[in-house]
Each structure stands twice: as C-alpha cells, then as structure tokens.
Amino acid sequence: MDVARAQRMNRANPKYVLRNYLAQIAIDKAEAGDFSEIDVLRRLLAKPFDEQPEMASYAALPPDWGRHLEISCSS
C-alpha cells in the first residue's frame, strides 16, 4: 500500500471506536459502582484518530465473548 493512500485511510478511519464489548465492560463496572472505565473510554474516544500507545489494547480484536455480543437499539 502506498504511503499517501495509507495516510488518507488513517484520516478517514479512526483507530479507536466504541465497540459493543468495550461498552459492556464499562456498563458492568458502572453497575458495580466503578465508573473508571467510562472515564477511560471518554478520554480515548475524544481523540479516536490519534496514536495512543498506552491504549493499544482498545484497538485489538474483541475477546471471544465479545464477538457474539448482541445489542438491541430499541431499549
């Protein structure tokens, strides 16, 4: 892939997105009274196109349990 095309793709496609399994982890922690993951996600997603090496795990493939997570938008 040429460099110019890679740069265009990186500007159009954020590295970090709110995936269902990330939201579910934050929800589970918040329901237990721990809102720290919500704060982490808020900071991460404020700059989704930026390289954030300390947050690399948030750009990884989902865990097995998260690949089959189904979320209803009607709730």
PDB file of N, CA and C in Angstrom:
ATOM      1  N   MET A   1       0.866  -1.171   0.000  1.00  0.00           N
ATOM      2  CA  MET A   1       0.000   0.000   0.000  1.00  0.00           C
ATOM      3  C   MET A   1       0.908   1.229   0.000  1.00  0.00           C
ATOM      4  N   ASP A   2       0.564   2.183  -0.837  1.00  0.00           N
ATOM      5  CA  ASP A   2       1.422   3.361  -0.871  1.00  0.00           C
ATOM      6  C   ASP A   2       1.145   4.274   0.320  1.00  0.00           C
ATOM      7  N   VAL A   3       2.119   5.107   0.611  1.00  0.00           N
ATOM      8  CA  VAL A   3       2.072   5.942   1.811  1.00  0.00           C
ATOM      9  C   VAL A   3       0.905   6.927   1.767  1.00  0.00           C
ATOM     10  N   ALA A   4       0.671   7.559   0.624  1.00  0.00           N
ATOM     11  CA  ALA A   4      -0.407   8.555   0.514  1.00  0.00           C
ATOM     12  C   ALA A   4      -1.770   7.911   0.776  1.00  0.00           C
ATOM     13  N   ARG A   5      -1.970   6.720   0.227  1.00  0.00           N
ATOM     14  CA  ARG A   5      -3.253   6.043   0.429  1.00  0.00           C
ATOM     15  C   ARG A   5      -3.422   5.651   1.899  1.00  0.00           C
ATOM     16  N   ALA A   6      -2.375   5.176   2.524  1.00  0.00           N
ATOM     17  CA  ALA A   6      -2.437   4.819   3.949  1.00  0.00           C
ATOM     18  C   ALA A   6      -2.755   6.043   4.790  1.00  0.00           C
ATOM     19  N   GLN A   7      -2.177   7.176   4.468  1.00  0.00           N
ATOM     20  CA  GLN A   7      -2.457   8.407   5.227  1.00  0.00           C
ATOM     21  C   GLN A   7      -3.910   8.824   5.054  1.00  0.00           C
ATOM     22  N   ARG A   8      -4.449   8.729   3.838  1.00  0.00           N
ATOM     23  CA  ARG A   8      -5.869   9.074   3.614  1.00  0.00           C
ATOM     24  C   ARG A   8      -6.786   8.148   4.406  1.00  0.00           C
ATOM     25  N   MET A   9      -6.461   6.858   4.403  1.00  0.00           N
ATOM     26  CA  MET A   9      -7.279   5.891   5.138  1.00  0.00           C
ATOM     27  C   MET A   9      -7.235   6.174   6.643  1.00  0.00           C
ATOM     28  N   ASN A  10      -6.066   6.495   7.155  1.00  0.00           N
ATOM     29  CA  ASN A  10      -5.940   6.772   8.587  1.00  0.00           C
ATOM     30  C   ASN A  10      -6.680   8.036   8.991  1.00  0.00           C
ATOM     31  N   ARG A  11      -6.786   9.004   8.086  1.00  0.00           N
ATOM     32  CA  ARG A  11      -7.539  10.223   8.405  1.00  0.00           C
ATOM     33  C   ARG A  11      -9.047   9.986   8.382  1.00  0.00           C
ATOM     34  N   ALA A  12      -9.490   9.020   7.582  1.00  0.00           N
ATOM     35  CA  ALA A  12     -10.922   8.757   7.437  1.00  0.00           C
ATOM     36  C   ALA A  12     -11.441   7.675   8.380  1.00  0.00           C
ATOM     37  N   ASN A  13     -10.551   6.825   8.869  1.00  0.00           N
ATOM     38  CA  ASN A  13     -10.952   5.686   9.701  1.00  0.00           C
ATOM     39  C   ASN A  13     -10.287   5.793  11.062  1.00  0.00           C
ATOM     40  N   PRO A  14     -11.067   6.037  12.102  1.00  0.00           N
ATOM     41  CA  PRO A  14     -10.458   6.155  13.432  1.00  0.00           C
ATOM     42  C   PRO A  14      -9.844   4.839  13.884  1.00  0.00           C
ATOM     43  N   LYS A  15      -8.776   4.933  14.632  1.00  0.00           N
ATOM     44  CA  LYS A  15      -8.144   3.740  15.184  1.00  0.00           C
ATOM     45  C   LYS A  15      -8.981   3.177  16.322  1.00  0.00           C
ATOM     46  N   TYR A  16      -9.610   4.054  17.075  1.00  0.00           N
ATOM     47  CA  TYR A  16     -10.383   3.651  18.252  1.00  0.00           C
ATOM     48  C   TYR A  16     -11.859   3.957  18.031  1.00  0.00           C
ATOM     49  N   VAL A  17     -12.696   2.946  18.208  1.00  0.00           N
ATOM     50  CA  VAL A  17     -14.147   3.108  18.112  1.00  0.00           C
ATOM     51  C   VAL A  17     -14.784   2.428  19.327  1.00  0.00           C
ATOM     52  N   LEU A  18     -15.958   2.871  19.679  1.00  0.00           N
ATOM     53  CA  LEU A  18     -16.670   2.266  20.811  1.00  0.00           C
ATOM     54  C   LEU A  18     -17.317   0.970  20.347  1.00  0.00           C
ATOM     55  N   ARG A  19     -16.665  -0.114  20.612  1.00  0.00           N
ATOM     56  CA  ARG A  19     -17.186  -1.433  20.243  1.00  0.00           C
ATOM     57  C   ARG A  19     -18.125  -1.928  21.353  1.00  0.00           C
ATOM     58  N   ASN A  20     -19.049  -2.786  20.966  1.00  0.00           N
ATOM     59  CA  ASN A  20     -20.049  -3.276  21.919  1.00  0.00           C
ATOM     60  C   ASN A  20     -19.408  -3.868  23.168  1.00  0.00           C
ATOM     61  N   TYR A  21     -18.358  -4.656  23.000  1.00  0.00           N
ATOM     62  CA  TYR A  21     -17.765  -5.306  24.168  1.00  0.00           C
ATOM     63  C   TYR A  21     -17.098  -4.290  25.092  1.00  0.00           C
ATOM     64  N   LEU A  22     -16.538  -3.197  24.534  1.00  0.00           N
ATOM     65  CA  LEU A  22     -15.950  -2.156  25.379  1.00  0.00           C
ATOM     66  C   LEU A  22     -17.039  -1.442  26.179  1.00  0.00           C
ATOM     67  N   ALA A  23     -18.145  -1.168  25.524  1.00  0.00           N
ATOM     68  CA  ALA A  23     -19.263  -0.536  26.223  1.00  0.00           C
ATOM     69  C   ALA A  23     -19.795  -1.458  27.313  1.00  0.00           C
ATOM     70  N   GLN A  24     -19.878  -2.755  27.033  1.00  0.00           N
ATOM     71  CA  GLN A  24     -20.410  -3.695  28.021  1.00  0.00           C
ATOM     72  C   GLN A  24     -19.511  -3.782  29.246  1.00  0.00           C
ATOM     73  N   ILE A  25     -18.200  -3.766  29.038  1.00  0.00           N
ATOM     74  CA  ILE A  25     -17.271  -3.770  30.173  1.00  0.00           C
ATOM     75  C   ILE A  25     -17.498  -2.528  31.034  1.00  0.00           C
ATOM     76  N   ALA A  26     -17.628  -1.367  30.388  1.00  0.00           N
ATOM     77  CA  ALA A  26     -17.854  -0.120  31.127  1.00  0.00           C
ATOM     78  C   ALA A  26     -19.188  -0.156  31.867  1.00  0.00           C
ATOM     79  N   ILE A  27     -20.214  -0.694  31.230  1.00  0.00           N
ATOM     80  CA  ILE A  27     -21.533  -0.798  31.862  1.00  0.00           C
ATOM     81  C   ILE A  27     -21.469  -1.708  33.086  1.00  0.00           C
ATOM     82  N   ASP A  28     -20.835  -2.861  32.924  1.00  0.00           N
ATOM     83  CA  ASP A  28     -20.736  -3.810  34.046  1.00  0.00           C
ATOM     84  C   ASP A  28     -20.013  -3.181  35.231  1.00  0.00           C
ATOM     85  N   LYS A  29     -18.926  -2.479  34.968  1.00  0.00           N
ATOM     86  CA  LYS A  29     -18.187  -1.825  36.054  1.00  0.00           C
ATOM     87  C   LYS A  29     -19.019  -0.718  36.687  1.00  0.00           C
ATOM     88  N   ALA A  30     -19.709   0.071  35.869  1.00  0.00           N
ATOM     89  CA  ALA A  30     -20.523   1.169  36.397  1.00  0.00           C
ATOM     90  C   ALA A  30     -21.659   0.633  37.263  1.00  0.00           C
ATOM     91  N   GLU A  31     -22.264  -0.462  36.846  1.00  0.00           N
ATOM     92  CA  GLU A  31     -23.335  -1.053  37.650  1.00  0.00           C
ATOM     93  C   GLU A  31     -22.823  -1.526  39.005  1.00  0.00           C
ATOM     94  N   ALA A  32     -21.513  -1.802  39.077  1.00  0.00           N
ATOM     95  CA  ALA A  32     -20.904  -2.209  40.346  1.00  0.00           C
ATOM     96  C   ALA A  32     -20.348  -1.004  41.110  1.00  0.00           C
ATOM     97  N   GLY A  33     -20.600   0.199  40.579  1.00  0.00           N
ATOM     98  CA  GLY A  33     -20.169   1.413  41.261  1.00  0.00           C
ATOM     99  C   GLY A  33     -18.808   1.942  40.834  1.00  0.00           C
ATOM    100  N   ASP A  34     -18.179   1.328  39.859  1.00  0.00           N
ATOM    101  CA  ASP A  34     -16.857   1.738  39.379  1.00  0.00           C
ATOM    102  C   ASP A  34     -17.007   2.413  38.018  1.00  0.00           C
ATOM    103  N   PHE A  35     -16.849   3.725  37.987  1.00  0.00           N
ATOM    104  CA  PHE A  35     -17.047   4.485  36.754  1.00  0.00           C
ATOM    105  C   PHE A  35     -15.732   4.786  36.036  1.00  0.00           C
ATOM    106  N   SER A  36     -14.644   4.143  36.459  1.00  0.00           N
ATOM    107  CA  SER A  36     -13.331   4.433  35.887  1.00  0.00           C
ATOM    108  C   SER A  36     -13.235   4.082  34.402  1.00  0.00           C
ATOM    109  N   GLU A  37     -13.874   3.009  33.981  1.00  0.00           N
ATOM    110  CA  GLU A  37     -13.791   2.612  32.572  1.00  0.00           C
ATOM    111  C   GLU A  37     -14.535   3.595  31.679  1.00  0.00           C
ATOM    112  N   ILE A  38     -15.594   4.187  32.175  1.00  0.00           N
ATOM    113  CA  ILE A  38     -16.298   5.217  31.412  1.00  0.00           C
ATOM    114  C   ILE A  38     -15.367   6.400  31.192  1.00  0.00           C
ATOM    115  N   ASP A  39     -14.617   6.765  32.197  1.00  0.00           N
ATOM    116  CA  ASP A  39     -13.672   7.874  32.063  1.00  0.00           C
ATOM    117  C   ASP A  39     -12.566   7.527  31.068  1.00  0.00           C
ATOM    118  N   VAL A  40     -12.064   6.290  31.125  1.00  0.00           N
ATOM    119  CA  VAL A  40     -11.034   5.860  30.177  1.00  0.00           C
ATOM    120  C   VAL A  40     -11.560   5.942  28.755  1.00  0.00           C
ATOM    121  N   LEU A  41     -12.753   5.426  28.516  1.00  0.00           N
ATOM    122  CA  LEU A  41     -13.340   5.461  27.175  1.00  0.00           C
ATOM    123  C   LEU A  41     -13.608   6.893  26.714  1.00  0.00           C
ATOM    124  N   ARG A  42     -14.034   7.738  27.619  1.00  0.00           N
ATOM    125  CA  ARG A  42     -14.282   9.138  27.263  1.00  0.00           C
ATOM    126  C   ARG A  42     -12.987   9.793  26.782  1.00  0.00           C
ATOM    127  N   ARG A  43     -11.897   9.579  27.509  1.00  0.00           N
ATOM    128  CA  ARG A  43     -10.608  10.164  27.122  1.00  0.00           C
ATOM    129  C   ARG A  43     -10.100   9.557  25.812  1.00  0.00           C
ATOM    130  N   LEU A  44     -10.228   8.253  25.674  1.00  0.00           N
ATOM    131  CA  LEU A  44      -9.774   7.562  24.469  1.00  0.00           C
ATOM    132  C   LEU A  44     -10.521   8.054  23.237  1.00  0.00           C
ATOM    133  N   LEU A  45     -11.844   8.106  23.337  1.00  0.00           N
ATOM    134  CA  LEU A  45     -12.667   8.422  22.175  1.00  0.00           C
ATOM    135  C   LEU A  45     -12.737   9.914  21.872  1.00  0.00           C
ATOM    136  N   ALA A  46     -12.182  10.742  22.747  1.00  0.00           N
ATOM    137  CA  ALA A  46     -12.090  12.172  22.455  1.00  0.00           C
ATOM    138  C   ALA A  46     -11.104  12.430  21.316  1.00  0.00           C
ATOM    139  N   LYS A  47     -10.170  11.477  21.116  1.00  0.00           N
ATOM    140  CA  LYS A  47      -9.154  11.613  20.064  1.00  0.00           C
ATOM    141  C   LYS A  47      -8.996  10.273  19.351  1.00  0.00           C
ATOM    142  N   PRO A  48     -10.035   9.815  18.657  1.00  0.00           N
ATOM    143  CA  PRO A  48     -10.010   8.459  18.104  1.00  0.00           C
ATOM    144  C   PRO A  48      -9.020   8.247  16.960  1.00  0.00           C
ATOM    145  N   PHE A  49      -8.564   9.314  16.323  1.00  0.00           N
ATOM    146  CA  PHE A  49      -7.618   9.185  15.214  1.00  0.00           C
ATOM    147  C   PHE A  49      -6.168   9.227  15.686  1.00  0.00           C
ATOM    148  N   ASP A  50      -5.934   9.672  16.906  1.00  0.00           N
ATOM    149  CA  ASP A  50      -4.576   9.840  17.415  1.00  0.00           C
ATOM    150  C   ASP A  50      -3.969   8.505  17.840  1.00  0.00           C
ATOM    151  N   GLU A  51      -2.662   8.409  17.653  1.00  0.00           N
ATOM    152  CA  GLU A  51      -1.936   7.264  18.205  1.00  0.00           C
ATOM    153  C   GLU A  51      -1.910   7.442  19.723  1.00  0.00           C
ATOM    154  N   GLN A  52      -2.327   6.435  20.429  1.00  0.00           N
ATOM    155  CA  GLN A  52      -2.332   6.452  21.886  1.00  0.00           C
ATOM    156  C   GLN A  52      -1.744   5.122  22.341  1.00  0.00           C
ATOM    157  N   PRO A  53      -0.406   5.015  22.332  1.00  0.00           N
ATOM    158  CA  PRO A  53       0.234   3.728  22.616  1.00  0.00           C
ATOM    159  C   PRO A  53      -0.204   3.070  23.919  1.00  0.00           C
ATOM    160  N   GLU A  54      -0.487   3.866  24.936  1.00  0.00           N
ATOM    161  CA  GLU A  54      -0.914   3.293  26.214  1.00  0.00           C
ATOM    162  C   GLU A  54      -2.326   2.700  26.138  1.00  0.00           C
ATOM    163  N   MET A  55      -3.028   2.953  25.056  1.00  0.00           N
ATOM    164  CA  MET A  55      -4.398   2.460  24.870  1.00  0.00           C
ATOM    165  C   MET A  55      -4.490   1.414  23.761  1.00  0.00           C
ATOM    166  N   ALA A  56      -3.356   0.892  23.329  1.00  0.00           N
ATOM    167  CA  ALA A  56      -3.328  -0.032  22.190  1.00  0.00           C
ATOM    168  C   ALA A  56      -4.292  -1.209  22.350  1.00  0.00           C
ATOM    169  N   SER A  57      -4.495  -1.674  23.554  1.00  0.00           N
ATOM    170  CA  SER A  57      -5.389  -2.829  23.758  1.00  0.00           C
ATOM    171  C   SER A  57      -6.826  -2.517  23.338  1.00  0.00           C
ATOM    172  N   TYR A  58      -7.199  -1.243  23.320  1.00  0.00           N
ATOM    173  CA  TYR A  58      -8.557  -0.864  22.927  1.00  0.00           C
ATOM    174  C   TYR A  58      -8.764  -0.937  21.415  1.00  0.00           C
ATOM    175  N   ALA A  59      -7.686  -1.099  20.648  1.00  0.00           N
ATOM    176  CA  ALA A  59      -7.785  -1.246  19.201  1.00  0.00           C
ATOM    177  C   ALA A  59      -7.625  -2.704  18.777  1.00  0.00           C
ATOM    178  N   ALA A  60      -7.438  -3.580  19.737  1.00  0.00           N
ATOM    179  CA  ALA A  60      -7.236  -5.008  19.443  1.00  0.00           C
ATOM    180  C   ALA A  60      -8.558  -5.665  19.046  1.00  0.00           C
ATOM    181  N   LEU A  61      -8.437  -6.863  18.509  1.00  0.00           N
ATOM    182  CA  LEU A  61      -9.636  -7.636  18.189  1.00  0.00           C
ATOM    183  C   LEU A  61     -10.406  -7.935  19.475  1.00  0.00           C
ATOM    184  N   PRO A  62     -11.721  -8.067  19.373  1.00  0.00           N
ATOM    185  CA  PRO A  62     -12.509  -8.349  20.575  1.00  0.00           C
ATOM    186  C   PRO A  62     -12.212  -9.740  21.130  1.00  0.00           C
ATOM    187  N   PRO A  63     -12.428  -9.905  22.439  1.00  0.00           N
ATOM    188  CA  PRO A  63     -12.288 -11.250  23.018  1.00  0.00           C
ATOM    189  C   PRO A  63     -13.392 -12.153  22.476  1.00  0.00           C
ATOM    190  N   ASP A  64     -13.222 -13.439  22.630  1.00  0.00           N
ATOM    191  CA  ASP A  64     -14.217 -14.395  22.102  1.00  0.00           C
ATOM    192  C   ASP A  64     -15.632 -14.066  22.569  1.00  0.00           C
ATOM    193  N   TRP A  65     -15.790 -13.756  23.873  1.00  0.00           N
ATOM    194  CA  TRP A  65     -17.137 -13.491  24.376  1.00  0.00           C
ATOM    195  C   TRP A  65     -17.721 -12.230  23.743  1.00  0.00           C
ATOM    196  N   GLY A  66     -16.883 -11.295  23.331  1.00  0.00           N
ATOM    197  CA  GLY A  66     -17.361 -10.043  22.764  1.00  0.00           C
ATOM    198  C   GLY A  66     -17.698 -10.111  21.293  1.00  0.00           C
ATOM    199  N   ARG A  67     -17.243 -11.154  20.632  1.00  0.00           N
ATOM    200  CA  ARG A  67     -17.517 -11.291  19.191  1.00  0.00           C
ATOM    201  C   ARG A  67     -18.975 -11.634  18.914  1.00  0.00           C
ATOM    202  N   HIS A  68     -19.627 -12.201  19.888  1.00  0.00           N
ATOM    203  CA  HIS A  68     -21.015 -12.643  19.685  1.00  0.00           C
ATOM    204  C   HIS A  68     -22.001 -11.834  20.525  1.00  0.00           C
ATOM    205  N   LEU A  69     -21.550 -10.715  21.018  1.00  0.00           N
ATOM    206  CA  LEU A  69     -22.394  -9.860  21.834  1.00  0.00           C
ATOM    207  C   LEU A  69     -23.447  -9.190  20.958  1.00  0.00           C
ATOM    208  N   GLU A  70     -24.687  -9.287  21.340  1.00  0.00           N
ATOM    209  CA  GLU A  70     -25.776  -8.672  20.599  1.00  0.00           C
ATOM    210  C   GLU A  70     -26.386  -7.567  21.423  1.00  0.00           C
ATOM    211  N   ILE A  71     -26.514  -6.409  20.805  1.00  0.00           N
ATOM    212  CA  ILE A  71     -27.050  -5.226  21.473  1.00  0.00           C
ATOM    213  C   ILE A  71     -28.315  -4.797  20.737  1.00  0.00           C
ATOM    214  N   SER A  72     -29.336  -4.481  21.479  1.00  0.00           N
ATOM    215  CA  SER A  72     -30.581  -4.001  20.884  1.00  0.00           C
ATOM    216  C   SER A  72     -30.618  -2.483  20.964  1.00  0.00           C
ATOM    217  N   CYS A  73     -30.900  -1.848  19.849  1.00  0.00           N
ATOM    218  CA  CYS A  73     -31.015  -0.387  19.828  1.00  0.00           C
ATOM    219  C   CYS A  73     -32.390   0.074  20.296  1.00  0.00           C
ATOM    220  N   SER A  74     -33.302  -0.863  20.519  1.00  0.00           N
ATOM    221  CA  SER A  74     -34.659  -0.483  20.876  1.00  0.00           C
ATOM    222  C   SER A  74     -34.860  -0.279  22.366  1.00  0.00           C
ATOM    223  N   SER A  75     -33.828  -0.539  23.137  1.00  0.00           N
ATOM    224  CA  SER A  75     -34.016  -0.432  24.586  1.00  0.00           C
ATOM    225  C   SER A  75     -33.726   0.948  25.107  1.00  0.00           C
TER     226      SER A  75
END
